[in-house]
Amino acid sequence: MRHLSSTPGLLLLLLLPGLCLAEARQMDENVTYGYAQVLRASPVYETTRSRVPEQRCDGPSTGGNHCRTVQVEREERRLAGYDVEYQYKGEKYMSRLDSDPGNRLRIRISVVPEQASGSYR
């Protein structure tokens, strides 16, 4: 039977999830939430084209109908999201969102140093 201490690679693998969780907790300490004023929300549509087979038949004739398969181009327009312009503390921002946010948008605010260093000066 092997002991965990005799397999350092296994021990490291067991510790990694805990280390990542600790790092995520530390990052969450610098996060807060606020609300931005929505200035504009414009729907964005995507158009897709596809070719599908379709049966086309001529009118009845002596001996029955004459039918053939033809390729027909179909066009579909769907809502892809909303381009949203919003303002927070005098600064304007743009994002594409799945839905129309209304007149206020909840935002996540994160503060991190430009260059993170482990030492204090």
Protein backbone atom coordinates (compact mmCIF):
# COMPACT_ATOMS: atom_id res chain seq x y z
CA MET A 1 0.00 0.00 0.00
CA ARG A 2 1.35 3.45 -0.97
CA HIS A 3 1.34 6.43 1.35
CA LEU A 4 0.37 9.84 0.00
CA SER A 5 3.70 11.28 1.10
CA SER A 6 5.56 8.83 -1.14
CA THR A 7 3.80 10.15 -4.25
CA PRO A 8 4.37 13.93 -4.39
CA GLY A 9 2.62 14.24 -7.77
CA LEU A 10 -0.57 12.74 -6.36
CA LEU A 11 -0.37 14.98 -3.30
CA LEU A 12 -0.02 18.03 -5.54
CA LEU A 13 -3.05 16.98 -7.58
CA LEU A 14 -5.06 16.61 -4.39
CA LEU A 15 -4.02 20.08 -3.17
CA LEU A 16 -4.51 21.99 -6.45
CA PRO A 17 -8.31 22.37 -6.21
CA GLY A 18 -7.92 23.85 -2.72
CA LEU A 19 -5.24 26.26 -3.89
CA CYS A 20 -7.37 27.40 -6.82
CA LEU A 21 -10.33 27.92 -4.49
CA ALA A 22 -8.20 30.01 -2.12
CA GLU A 23 -7.01 32.13 -5.04
CA ALA A 24 -10.59 32.64 -6.24
CA ARG A 25 -11.64 33.70 -2.73
CA GLN A 26 -8.82 36.24 -2.62
CA MET A 27 -9.92 37.68 -5.98
CA ASP A 28 -13.55 37.90 -4.78
CA GLU A 29 -12.46 40.12 -1.90
CA ASN A 30 -11.80 42.92 -4.41
CA VAL A 31 -15.21 42.64 -6.08
CA THR A 32 -18.32 44.70 -5.49
CA TYR A 33 -21.51 45.33 -7.44
CA GLY A 34 -23.26 48.49 -8.55
CA TYR A 35 -25.75 49.82 -11.08
CA ALA A 36 -25.08 51.67 -14.31
CA GLN A 37 -27.54 53.81 -16.23
CA VAL A 38 -28.51 52.30 -19.58
CA LEU A 39 -28.26 54.91 -22.33
CA ARG A 40 -29.23 52.70 -25.27
CA ALA A 41 -30.13 49.06 -25.96
CA SER A 42 -30.28 48.16 -29.67
CA PRO A 43 -31.45 44.72 -30.82
CA VAL A 44 -28.94 42.82 -32.97
CA TYR A 45 -30.26 40.36 -35.54
CA GLU A 46 -28.43 37.60 -37.38
CA THR A 47 -29.56 36.33 -40.75
CA THR A 48 -28.79 32.77 -41.75
CA ARG A 49 -29.30 31.26 -45.19
CA SER A 50 -29.69 27.60 -45.98
CA ARG A 51 -30.66 25.47 -48.96
CA VAL A 52 -33.32 22.83 -48.39
CA PRO A 53 -34.83 20.31 -50.81
CA GLU A 54 -38.48 20.86 -51.69
CA GLN A 55 -40.91 18.91 -53.89
CA ARG A 56 -42.40 20.87 -56.80
CA CYS A 57 -45.22 19.30 -58.79
CA ASP A 58 -46.83 20.46 -62.04
CA GLY A 59 -50.60 20.42 -62.39
CA PRO A 60 -52.41 17.15 -63.16
CA SER A 61 -51.78 15.82 -66.62
CA THR A 62 -52.59 12.70 -68.52
CA GLY A 63 -50.72 9.99 -66.74
CA GLY A 64 -50.47 11.77 -63.36
CA ASN A 65 -48.45 14.61 -61.81
CA HIS A 66 -44.90 15.41 -62.78
CA CYS A 67 -42.87 16.12 -59.60
CA ARG A 68 -39.24 17.01 -59.08
CA THR A 69 -37.03 17.98 -56.15
CA VAL A 70 -35.52 21.46 -56.25
CA GLN A 71 -33.18 23.26 -53.87
CA VAL A 72 -34.85 26.29 -52.29
CA GLU A 73 -32.91 28.94 -50.41
CA ARG A 74 -34.40 29.83 -47.03
CA GLU A 75 -33.51 32.89 -45.00
CA GLU A 76 -34.06 33.11 -41.26
CA ARG A 77 -33.63 36.20 -39.11
CA ARG A 78 -33.21 35.74 -35.37
CA LEU A 79 -32.45 37.97 -32.40
CA ALA A 80 -28.79 37.51 -31.43
CA GLY A 81 -28.78 39.89 -28.44
CA TYR A 82 -28.63 43.58 -27.59
CA ASP A 83 -25.81 46.07 -27.98
CA VAL A 84 -26.06 48.04 -24.75
CA GLU A 85 -24.44 51.39 -24.08
CA TYR A 86 -24.32 52.29 -20.40
CA GLN A 87 -22.75 54.86 -18.12
CA TYR A 88 -21.09 54.37 -14.75
CA LYS A 89 -19.48 57.23 -12.81
CA GLY A 90 -19.34 59.41 -15.93
CA GLU A 91 -17.66 56.77 -18.13
CA LYS A 92 -19.47 55.13 -21.05
CA TYR A 93 -19.21 51.41 -21.80
CA MET A 94 -20.60 49.00 -24.41
CA SER A 95 -21.49 45.33 -24.07
CA ARG A 96 -23.51 42.76 -25.99
CA LEU A 97 -26.10 41.15 -23.72
CA ASP A 98 -28.56 38.29 -24.22
CA SER A 99 -31.55 40.38 -23.16
CA ASP A 100 -32.68 44.01 -22.91
CA PRO A 101 -31.57 45.19 -19.43
CA GLY A 102 -34.14 47.97 -19.07
CA ASN A 103 -33.02 51.35 -17.71
CA ARG A 104 -30.50 50.01 -15.11
CA LEU A 105 -27.80 47.40 -15.48
CA ARG A 106 -26.22 45.57 -12.55
CA ILE A 107 -22.46 45.58 -13.02
CA ARG A 108 -19.57 43.77 -11.37
CA ILE A 109 -16.77 46.07 -10.21
CA SER A 110 -13.32 44.58 -9.63
CA VAL A 111 -10.29 46.45 -8.34
CA VAL A 112 -6.85 44.94 -8.95
CA PRO A 113 -3.41 46.53 -9.17
CA GLU A 114 -2.04 47.07 -12.66
CA GLN A 115 0.99 45.00 -11.71
CA ALA A 116 0.34 42.57 -8.91
CA SER A 117 3.35 42.02 -6.65
CA GLY A 118 3.69 40.03 -3.49
CA SER A 119 5.69 42.64 -1.62
CA TYR A 120 4.66 45.88 0.09
CA ARG A 121 6.72 49.04 -0.23
